[in-house]
C-alpha atoms as a PDB file:
ATOM      1  CA  UNK A   1     100.656 -28.315-171.429  1.00  0.00           C
ATOM      2  CA  UNK A   2     100.450 -25.746-174.970  1.00  0.00           C
ATOM      3  CA  UNK A   3     101.218 -26.363-177.693  1.00  0.00           C
ATOM      4  CA  UNK A   4     103.538 -24.375-178.288  1.00  0.00           C
ATOM      5  CA  UNK A   5     108.138 -24.371-177.908  1.00  0.00           C
ATOM      6  CA  UNK A   6     108.607 -20.468-176.158  1.00  0.00           C
ATOM      7  CA  UNK A   7     104.912 -18.167-175.039  1.00  0.00           C
ATOM      8  CA  UNK A   8     104.205 -14.931-173.871  1.00  0.00           C
ATOM      9  CA  UNK A   9     101.627 -14.101-172.329  1.00  0.00           C
ATOM     10  CA  UNK A  10     100.773 -10.797-171.680  1.00  0.00           C
ATOM     11  CA  UNK A  11     103.776  -8.993-171.526  1.00  0.00           C
ATOM     12  CA  UNK A  12     104.693  -5.123-170.553  1.00  0.00           C
ATOM     13  CA  UNK A  13     107.332  -3.370-170.319  1.00  0.00           C
ATOM     14  CA  UNK A  14     108.026   0.203-169.463  1.00  0.00           C
ATOM     15  CA  UNK A  15     110.475   2.226-169.580  1.00  0.00           C
ATOM     16  CA  UNK A  16     110.974   6.500-168.276  1.00  0.00           C
ATOM     17  CA  UNK A  17     111.995   8.663-170.639  1.00  0.00           C
ATOM     18  CA  UNK A  18     113.396  12.491-170.099  1.00  0.00           C
ATOM     19  CA  UNK A  19     112.045  15.134-172.251  1.00  0.00           C
ATOM     20  CA  UNK A  20     111.690  18.639-171.830  1.00  0.00           C
ATOM     21  CA  UNK A  21     114.312  21.234-170.426  1.00  0.00           C
ATOM     22  CA  UNK A  22     116.564  20.386-167.525  1.00  0.00           C
ATOM     23  CA  UNK A  23     114.947  16.026-168.094  1.00  0.00           C
ATOM     24  CA  UNK A  24     112.358  17.027-165.497  1.00  0.00           C
ATOM     25  CA  UNK A  25     109.243  16.322-167.935  1.00  0.00           C
ATOM     26  CA  UNK A  26     109.182  12.172-167.654  1.00  0.00           C
ATOM     27  CA  UNK A  27     106.832  10.127-169.380  1.00  0.00           C
ATOM     28  CA  UNK A  28     106.054   6.023-169.667  1.00  0.00           C
ATOM     29  CA  UNK A  29     107.378   4.260-172.392  1.00  0.00           C
ATOM     30  CA  UNK A  30     105.221   1.082-173.736  1.00  0.00           C
ATOM     31  CA  UNK A  31     108.210  -1.155-175.213  1.00  0.00           C
ATOM     32  CA  UNK A  32     104.943  -3.983-174.541  1.00  0.00           C
ATOM     33  CA  UNK A  33     101.733  -2.990-174.460  1.00  0.00           C
ATOM     34  CA  UNK A  34     100.227  -6.588-173.374  1.00  0.00           C
ATOM     35  CA  UNK A  35     102.005  -8.719-176.126  1.00  0.00           C
ATOM     36  CA  UNK A  36     100.813 -12.574-176.592  1.00  0.00           C
ATOM     37  CA  UNK A  37     103.104 -14.294-178.833  1.00  0.00           C
ATOM     38  CA  UNK A  38     103.385 -18.043-179.123  1.00  0.00           C
ATOM     39  CA  UNK A  39     106.450 -20.203-180.995  1.00  0.00           C
ATOM     40  CA  UNK A  40     105.307 -23.953-182.829  1.00  0.00           C
ATOM     41  CA  UNK A  41     108.067 -26.366-182.551  1.00  0.00           C
ATOM     42  CA  UNK A  42     110.402 -26.324-185.624  1.00  0.00           C
ATOM     43  CA  UNK A  43     108.664 -23.501-186.851  1.00  0.00           C
ATOM     44  CA  UNK A  44     109.194 -19.992-188.358  1.00  0.00           C
ATOM     45  CA  UNK A  45     107.569 -17.039-186.250  1.00  0.00           C
ATOM     46  CA  UNK A  46     108.940 -13.747-187.634  1.00  0.00           C
ATOM     47  CA  UNK A  47     107.524 -10.150-185.656  1.00  0.00           C
ATOM     48  CA  UNK A  48     108.426  -7.264-188.384  1.00  0.00           C
ATOM     49  CA  UNK A  49     107.999  -3.947-186.987  1.00  0.00           C
ATOM     50  CA  UNK A  50     110.262  -0.763-187.877  1.00  0.00           C
ATOM     51  CA  UNK A  51     112.346   0.842-185.326  1.00  0.00           C
ATOM     52  CA  UNK A  52     110.624   1.884-181.903  1.00  0.00           C
ATOM     53  CA  UNK A  53     108.116  -1.273-182.587  1.00  0.00           C
ATOM     54  CA  UNK A  54     109.518  -3.211-179.407  1.00  0.00           C
ATOM     55  CA  UNK A  55     110.218  -5.866-181.972  1.00  0.00           C
ATOM     56  CA  UNK A  56     114.093  -6.333-180.230  1.00  0.00           C
ATOM     57  CA  UNK A  57     112.948  -5.889-176.639  1.00  0.00           C
ATOM     58  CA  UNK A  58     110.055  -8.311-176.989  1.00  0.00           C
ATOM     59  CA  UNK A  59     113.482 -11.122-178.335  1.00  0.00           C
ATOM     60  CA  UNK A  60     115.580  -9.968-175.327  1.00  0.00           C
ATOM     61  CA  UNK A  61     112.231 -10.599-173.097  1.00  0.00           C
ATOM     62  CA  UNK A  62     111.187 -13.435-173.920  1.00  0.00           C
ATOM     63  CA  UNK A  63     115.427 -15.054-173.253  1.00  0.00           C
ATOM     64  CA  UNK A  64     115.469 -13.623-170.147  1.00  0.00           C
ATOM     65  CA  UNK A  65     118.236 -10.636-170.600  1.00  0.00           C
ATOM     66  CA  UNK A  66     115.789  -7.898-169.861  1.00  0.00           C
ATOM     67  CA  UNK A  67     113.286  -7.707-167.062  1.00  0.00           C
ATOM     68  CA  UNK A  68     109.974  -6.962-167.585  1.00  0.00           C
ATOM     69  CA  UNK A  69     106.649  -5.580-165.535  1.00  0.00           C
ATOM     70  CA  UNK A  70     103.922  -8.032-165.456  1.00  0.00           C
ATOM     71  CA  UNK A  71     103.172 -11.000-167.702  1.00  0.00           C
ATOM     72  CA  UNK A  72     105.516 -14.582-168.723  1.00  0.00           C
ATOM     73  CA  UNK A  73     107.736 -16.658-170.849  1.00  0.00           C
ATOM     74  CA  UNK A  74     106.817 -19.631-170.637  1.00  0.00           C
ATOM     75  CA  UNK A  75     109.544 -22.490-172.408  1.00  0.00           C
ATOM     76  CA  UNK A  76     108.781 -26.049-172.400  1.00  0.00           C
ATOM     77  CA  UNK A  77     106.199 -26.297-169.837  1.00  0.00           C
ATOM     78  CA  UNK A  78     108.487 -23.813-168.089  1.00  0.00           C
ATOM     79  CA  UNK A  79     108.286 -20.345-166.505  1.00  0.00           C
ATOM     80  CA  UNK A  80     111.441 -18.683-167.508  1.00  0.00           C
ATOM     81  CA  UNK A  81     110.795 -15.531-165.242  1.00  0.00           C
ATOM     82  CA  UNK A  82     110.593 -17.613-162.713  1.00  0.00           C
ATOM     83  CA  UNK A  83     113.157 -20.034-162.866  1.00  0.00           C
ATOM     84  CA  UNK A  84     116.900 -17.585-161.425  1.00  0.00           C
ATOM     85  CA  UNK A  85     120.656 -18.617-161.381  1.00  0.00           C
ATOM     86  CA  UNK A  86     121.766 -22.190-162.041  1.00  0.00           C
ATOM     87  CA  UNK A  87     117.931 -23.439-163.553  1.00  0.00           C
ATOM     88  CA  UNK A  88     117.635 -20.572-165.764  1.00  0.00           C
ATOM     89  CA  UNK A  89     121.190 -20.896-167.295  1.00  0.00           C
ATOM     90  CA  UNK A  90     120.980 -24.877-167.567  1.00  0.00           C
ATOM     91  CA  UNK A  91     117.760 -23.657-169.748  1.00  0.00           C
ATOM     92  CA  UNK A  92     120.159 -20.979-171.296  1.00  0.00           C
ATOM     93  CA  UNK A  93     121.732 -23.403-173.445  1.00  0.00           C
ATOM     94  CA  UNK A  94     118.550 -24.163-175.071  1.00  0.00           C
ATOM     95  CA  UNK A  95     117.800 -20.699-175.861  1.00  0.00           C
ATOM     96  CA  UNK A  96     120.459 -19.246-178.557  1.00  0.00           C
ATOM     97  CA  UNK A  97     120.601 -15.441-179.683  1.00  0.00           C
ATOM     98  CA  UNK A  98     122.458 -15.125-184.042  1.00  0.00           C
ATOM     99  CA  UNK A  99     122.415 -11.181-183.342  1.00  0.00           C
ATOM    100  CA  UNK A 100     122.102  -8.972-186.104  1.00  0.00           C
ATOM    101  CA  UNK A 101     125.905  -7.378-186.005  1.00  0.00           C
ATOM    102  CA  UNK A 102     128.880 -10.430-186.520  1.00  0.00           C
ATOM    103  CA  UNK A 103     131.267  -8.114-185.974  1.00  0.00           C
ATOM    104  CA  UNK A 104     130.187  -6.583-182.567  1.00  0.00           C
ATOM    105  CA  UNK A 105     128.927  -9.824-181.092  1.00  0.00           C
ATOM    106  CA  UNK A 106     131.905 -11.808-181.433  1.00  0.00           C
ATOM    107  CA  UNK A 107     135.001 -11.025-178.896  1.00  0.00           C
ATOM    108  CA  UNK A 108     137.763  -9.341-181.696  1.00  0.00           C
ATOM    109  CA  UNK A 109     140.331 -10.780-179.146  1.00  0.00           C
ATOM    110  CA  UNK A 110     138.883 -14.790-180.087  1.00  0.00           C
ATOM    111  CA  UNK A 111     140.144 -17.279-182.074  1.00  0.00           C
ATOM    112  CA  UNK A 112     137.167 -18.606-184.187  1.00  0.00           C
ATOM    113  CA  UNK A 113     137.311 -22.030-182.595  1.00  0.00           C
ATOM    114  CA  UNK A 114     137.284 -20.891-178.742  1.00  0.00           C
ATOM    115  CA  UNK A 115     133.838 -18.474-179.683  1.00  0.00           C
ATOM    116  CA  UNK A 116     132.582 -21.646-181.374  1.00  0.00           C
ATOM    117  CA  UNK A 117     133.364 -23.001-178.515  1.00  0.00           C
ATOM    118  CA  UNK A 118     133.179 -21.543-175.855  1.00  0.00           C
ATOM    119  CA  UNK A 119     129.247 -21.934-174.527  1.00  0.00           C
ATOM    120  CA  UNK A 120     130.171 -25.515-175.165  1.00  0.00           C
ATOM    121  CA  UNK A 121     132.475 -24.918-172.295  1.00  0.00           C
ATOM    122  CA  UNK A 122     130.885 -22.228-169.606  1.00  0.00           C
ATOM    123  CA  UNK A 123     128.180 -25.579-169.921  1.00  0.00           C
ATOM    124  CA  UNK A 124     130.601 -27.714-169.673  1.00  0.00           C
ATOM    125  CA  UNK A 125     129.619 -30.014-172.148  1.00  0.00           C
ATOM    126  CA  UNK A 126     132.004 -33.039-173.089  1.00  0.00           C
ATOM    127  CA  UNK A 127     135.360 -33.251-172.737  1.00  0.00           C
ATOM    128  CA  UNK A 128     137.675 -31.008-174.391  1.00  0.00           C
ATOM    129  CA  UNK A 129     138.304 -33.302-177.412  1.00  0.00           C
ATOM    130  CA  UNK A 130     134.731 -33.833-177.173  1.00  0.00           C
ATOM    131  CA  UNK A 131     134.497 -30.114-176.978  1.00  0.00           C
ATOM    132  CA  UNK A 132     136.764 -29.816-180.607  1.00  0.00           C
ATOM    133  CA  UNK A 133     134.709 -32.418-182.576  1.00  0.00           C
ATOM    134  CA  UNK A 134     131.589 -30.589-181.698  1.00  0.00           C
ATOM    135  CA  UNK A 135     133.389 -26.962-182.589  1.00  0.00           C
ATOM    136  CA  UNK A 136     135.075 -28.382-185.952  1.00  0.00           C
ATOM    137  CA  UNK A 137     131.963 -30.630-187.626  1.00  0.00           C
ATOM    138  CA  UNK A 138     130.138 -27.309-186.846  1.00  0.00           C
ATOM    139  CA  UNK A 139     131.763 -24.629-188.469  1.00  0.00           C
ATOM    140  CA  UNK A 140     132.273 -26.744-191.623  1.00  0.00           C
ATOM    141  CA  UNK A 141     128.042 -27.401-191.356  1.00  0.00           C
ATOM    142  CA  UNK A 142     127.911 -23.615-191.732  1.00  0.00           C
ATOM    143  CA  UNK A 143     130.399 -23.211-194.806  1.00  0.00           C
ATOM    144  CA  UNK A 144     133.674 -23.168-193.041  1.00  0.00           C
ATOM    145  CA  UNK A 145     137.019 -24.418-192.276  1.00  0.00           C
ATOM    146  CA  UNK A 146     138.602 -26.343-189.446  1.00  0.00           C
ATOM    147  CA  UNK A 147     141.607 -23.959-190.253  1.00  0.00           C
ATOM    148  CA  UNK A 148     139.017 -20.717-189.720  1.00  0.00           C
ATOM    149  CA  UNK A 149     139.251 -21.986-185.858  1.00  0.00           C
ATOM    150  CA  UNK A 150     143.199 -20.357-185.915  1.00  0.00           C
ATOM    151  CA  UNK A 151     141.121 -17.271-187.170  1.00  0.00           C
ATOM    152  CA  UNK A 152     140.333 -13.713-185.421  1.00  0.00           C
ATOM    153  CA  UNK A 153     137.217 -12.358-187.051  1.00  0.00           C
ATOM    154  CA  UNK A 154     138.535  -9.515-188.571  1.00  0.00           C
ATOM    155  CA  UNK A 155     139.496 -11.820-191.344  1.00  0.00           C
ATOM    156  CA  UNK A 156     136.408 -12.825-191.973  1.00  0.00           C
ATOM    157  CA  UNK A 157     133.862 -11.080-194.759  1.00  0.00           C
ATOM    158  CA  UNK A 158     130.593 -10.033-192.900  1.00  0.00           C
ATOM    159  CA  UNK A 159     128.946 -13.137-193.813  1.00  0.00           C
ATOM    160  CA  UNK A 160     131.491 -15.468-192.608  1.00  0.00           C
ATOM    161  CA  UNK A 161     131.283 -13.813-189.260  1.00  0.00           C
ATOM    162  CA  UNK A 162     127.208 -14.231-189.452  1.00  0.00           C
ATOM    163  CA  UNK A 163     127.958 -18.454-190.133  1.00  0.00           C
ATOM    164  CA  UNK A 164     130.253 -18.069-187.091  1.00  0.00           C
ATOM    165  CA  UNK A 165     127.536 -16.822-185.379  1.00  0.00           C
ATOM    166  CA  UNK A 166     125.101 -19.077-186.613  1.00  0.00           C
ATOM    167  CA  UNK A 167     127.760 -22.070-185.375  1.00  0.00           C
ATOM    168  CA  UNK A 168     127.446 -20.431-182.326  1.00  0.00           C
ATOM    169  CA  UNK A 169     124.004 -20.828-181.760  1.00  0.00           C
ATOM    170  CA  UNK A 170     124.050 -23.695-182.779  1.00  0.00           C
ATOM    171  CA  UNK A 171     126.965 -26.111-181.629  1.00  0.00           C
ATOM    172  CA  UNK A 172     125.047 -26.164-178.130  1.00  0.00           C
ATOM    173  CA  UNK A 173     122.267 -27.809-179.974  1.00  0.00           C
ATOM    174  CA  UNK A 174     119.794 -25.573-178.770  1.00  0.00           C
ATOM    175  CA  UNK A 175     115.706 -25.476-178.565  1.00  0.00           C
ATOM    176  CA  UNK A 176     115.256 -22.249-180.232  1.00  0.00           C
ATOM    177  CA  UNK A 177     116.966 -19.794-181.096  1.00  0.00           C
ATOM    178  CA  UNK A 178     115.745 -15.635-181.928  1.00  0.00           C
ATOM    179  CA  UNK A 179     117.387 -14.627-185.172  1.00  0.00           C
ATOM    180  CA  UNK A 180     117.420 -10.449-184.229  1.00  0.00           C
ATOM    181  CA  UNK A 181     117.340  -8.646-187.651  1.00  0.00           C
ATOM    182  CA  UNK A 182     120.155 -11.583-188.801  1.00  0.00           C
ATOM    183  CA  UNK A 183     121.358  -9.980-192.628  1.00  0.00           C
ATOM    184  CA  UNK A 184     120.079  -6.510-191.861  1.00  0.00           C
ATOM    185  CA  UNK A 185     123.741  -5.295-191.740  1.00  0.00           C
ATOM    186  CA  UNK A 186     125.063  -8.078-195.070  1.00  0.00           C
ATOM    187  CA  UNK A 187     124.900  -7.634-198.979  1.00  0.00           C
ATOM    188  CA  UNK A 188     121.412  -9.164-200.639  1.00  0.00           C
ATOM    189  CA  UNK A 189     123.150 -11.587-202.557  1.00  0.00           C
ATOM    190  CA  UNK A 190     124.841 -13.051-198.868  1.00  0.00           C
ATOM    191  CA  UNK A 191     121.515 -12.262-197.148  1.00  0.00           C
ATOM    192  CA  UNK A 192     119.995 -14.783-199.412  1.00  0.00           C
ATOM    193  CA  UNK A 193     122.434 -17.173-199.200  1.00  0.00           C
ATOM    194  CA  UNK A 194     122.203 -17.480-195.351  1.00  0.00           C
ATOM    195  CA  UNK A 195     118.439 -17.528-195.043  1.00  0.00           C
ATOM    196  CA  UNK A 196     119.242 -20.886-196.885  1.00  0.00           C
ATOM    197  CA  UNK A 197     121.751 -21.578-194.186  1.00  0.00           C
ATOM    198  CA  UNK A 198     119.170 -20.719-191.808  1.00  0.00           C
ATOM    199  CA  UNK A 199     116.216 -22.998-193.513  1.00  0.00           C
ATOM    200  CA  UNK A 200     118.688 -25.558-193.778  1.00  0.00           C
ATOM    201  CA  UNK A 201     119.657 -26.362-190.390  1.00  0.00           C
ATOM    202  CA  UNK A 202     116.555 -25.988-188.999  1.00  0.00           C
ATOM    203  CA  UNK A 203     115.401 -28.279-191.073  1.00  0.00           C
ATOM    204  CA  UNK A 204     118.537 -31.348-190.107  1.00  0.00           C
ATOM    205  CA  UNK A 205     117.882 -29.698-186.367  1.00  0.00           C
ATOM    206  CA  UNK A 206     114.670 -30.312-185.805  1.00  0.00           C
ATOM    207  CA  UNK A 207     114.744 -26.164-184.821  1.00  0.00           C
ATOM    208  CA  UNK A 208     112.150 -23.336-183.437  1.00  0.00           C
ATOM    209  CA  UNK A 209     112.875 -19.902-184.930  1.00  0.00           C
ATOM    210  CA  UNK A 210     112.004 -16.651-183.540  1.00  0.00           C
ATOM    211  CA  UNK A 211     113.237 -14.207-186.212  1.00  0.00           C
ATOM    212  CA  UNK A 212     113.283  -9.757-185.676  1.00  0.00           C
ATOM    213  CA  UNK A 213     113.139  -7.756-188.688  1.00  0.00           C
ATOM    214  CA  UNK A 214     111.898  -4.819-189.710  1.00  0.00           C
ATOM    215  CA  UNK A 215     112.102  -6.087-193.770  1.00  0.00           C
ATOM    216  CA  UNK A 216     108.901  -7.825-194.935  1.00  0.00           C
ATOM    217  CA  UNK A 217     110.658  -9.264-198.396  1.00  0.00           C
ATOM    218  CA  UNK A 218     113.447 -10.881-195.929  1.00  0.00           C
ATOM    219  CA  UNK A 219     110.726 -12.848-193.588  1.00  0.00           C
ATOM    220  CA  UNK A 220     108.403 -13.588-196.648  1.00  0.00           C
ATOM    221  CA  UNK A 221     111.287 -16.917-197.361  1.00  0.00           C
ATOM    222  CA  UNK A 222     111.654 -17.805-194.048  1.00  0.00           C
ATOM    223  CA  UNK A 223     108.792 -17.361-192.017  1.00  0.00           C
ATOM    224  CA  UNK A 224     105.859 -19.722-191.890  1.00  0.00           C
ATOM    225  CA  UNK A 225     103.294 -17.340-188.977  1.00  0.00           C
ATOM    226  CA  UNK A 226     104.070 -13.928-188.981  1.00  0.00           C
ATOM    227  CA  UNK A 227     103.337 -11.472-185.737  1.00  0.00           C
ATOM    228  CA  UNK A 228     102.927  -7.345-186.705  1.00  0.00           C
ATOM    229  CA  UNK A 229     104.111  -5.686-184.027  1.00  0.00           C
ATOM    230  CA  UNK A 230     103.486  -1.357-183.931  1.00  0.00           C
ATOM    231  CA  UNK A 231     104.827   1.160-181.066  1.00  0.00           C
ATOM    232  CA  UNK A 232     104.554  -2.236-178.700  1.00  0.00           C
ATOM    233  CA  UNK A 233     101.470  -3.566-179.487  1.00  0.00           C
ATOM    234  CA  UNK A 234     101.087  -6.193-181.966  1.00  0.00           C
ATOM    235  CA  UNK A 235      98.624  -5.768-185.068  1.00  0.00           C
ATOM    236  CA  UNK A 236      98.352  -8.234-186.686  1.00  0.00           C
ATOM    237  CA  UNK A 237      98.526 -11.501-186.993  1.00  0.00           C
ATOM    238  CA  UNK A 238      99.111 -14.736-189.326  1.00  0.00           C
ATOM    239  CA  UNK A 239     100.306 -17.137-192.197  1.00  0.00           C
ATOM    240  CA  UNK A 240     103.241 -15.896-194.150  1.00  0.00           C
ATOM    241  CA  UNK A 241     100.535 -15.783-197.164  1.00  0.00           C
ATOM    242  CA  UNK A 242      97.707 -14.134-194.887  1.00  0.00           C
ATOM    243  CA  UNK A 243      99.862 -11.218-194.113  1.00  0.00           C
ATOM    244  CA  UNK A 244     101.508 -10.932-197.741  1.00  0.00           C
ATOM    245  CA  UNK A 245      98.094 -11.884-199.343  1.00  0.00           C
ATOM    246  CA  UNK A 246      95.380 -10.126-197.497  1.00  0.00           C
ATOM    247  CA  UNK A 247      96.832  -8.079-194.930  1.00  0.00           C
ATOM    248  CA  UNK A 248      93.992  -6.091-193.149  1.00  0.00           C
ATOM    249  CA  UNK A 249      95.673  -3.586-191.659  1.00  0.00           C
ATOM    250  CA  UNK A 250      97.019  -0.316-193.174  1.00  0.00           C
ATOM    251  CA  UNK A 251     100.793  -0.616-191.080  1.00  0.00           C
ATOM    252  CA  UNK A 252     100.726  -3.729-192.400  1.00  0.00           C
ATOM    253  CA  UNK A 253      99.981  -2.648-196.093  1.00  0.00           C
ATOM    254  CA  UNK A 254     101.923   0.255-195.726  1.00  0.00           C
ATOM    255  CA  UNK A 255     105.358  -1.725-194.289  1.00  0.00           C
ATOM    256  CA  UNK A 256     104.871  -4.636-197.413  1.00  0.00           C
ATOM    257  CA  UNK A 257     104.520  -1.677-200.328  1.00  0.00           C
ATOM    258  CA  UNK A 258     107.894  -0.566-199.165  1.00  0.00           C
ATOM    259  CA  UNK A 259     109.666  -3.500-200.102  1.00  0.00           C
ATOM    260  CA  UNK A 260     111.193  -3.130-203.818  1.00  0.00           C
ATOM    261  CA  UNK A 261     109.277  -4.054-206.644  1.00  0.00           C
ATOM    262  CA  UNK A 262     106.221  -5.945-204.671  1.00  0.00           C
ATOM    263  CA  UNK A 263     102.950  -4.682-206.277  1.00  0.00           C
ATOM    264  CA  UNK A 264      99.995  -4.977-203.339  1.00  0.00           C
ATOM    265  CA  UNK A 265      98.279  -7.268-204.988  1.00  0.00           C
ATOM    266  CA  UNK A 266      94.653  -5.011-205.661  1.00  0.00           C
END
């Protein structure tokens, strides 16, 4: 058995970009260029890079939301890219995602109670009264109330909407949660609250997080290990303290120096 709960081995994902006056010139872009990462159970692995580095592509390939050209994804000892249909749907319960923009990812015509309970219905988990109980308990756990079940997403602030997104992902009791820039759309004061909530829930529910971010400042508060990506490749990886205190790569140092008020250690 792998020591990792979720692992990518040698992922390659290319796509074609058209250029030139009539789009006749095509260039192959490697969104993922032989990327291998491993997420340890109960830990947070942050994948950091600028936009276009391949970090979000990696997240979607890990969750089988995007096909990839070659490589494999192993979840709890099973090769996910070999599963299909019912088997993949069953696995999906244990692999959930919290998105960057909580408004875009919540159906505006559904009440919050339905949004949070939707996964329970899809996976047929429990009777409707049990589902209702789970939804109420989860909403309370993320700092919302039972009355909020009747409301629609537009009635909430950005931070509250992200709490709904977190409740929706966690009500299924997943093992791995991919957090794709989950606080980058929020005010800095709210970011800290959401990061704290994610950490508390991780400890309570024994969750493993893959945390995608362009912002090393955010990552410092939540990650155990960090992978730095640039143009589809991993350029550096290590524990959070190694990456912050002794970054080896120029690119990592550049990302660190972009943090406000962060004087690099010389």
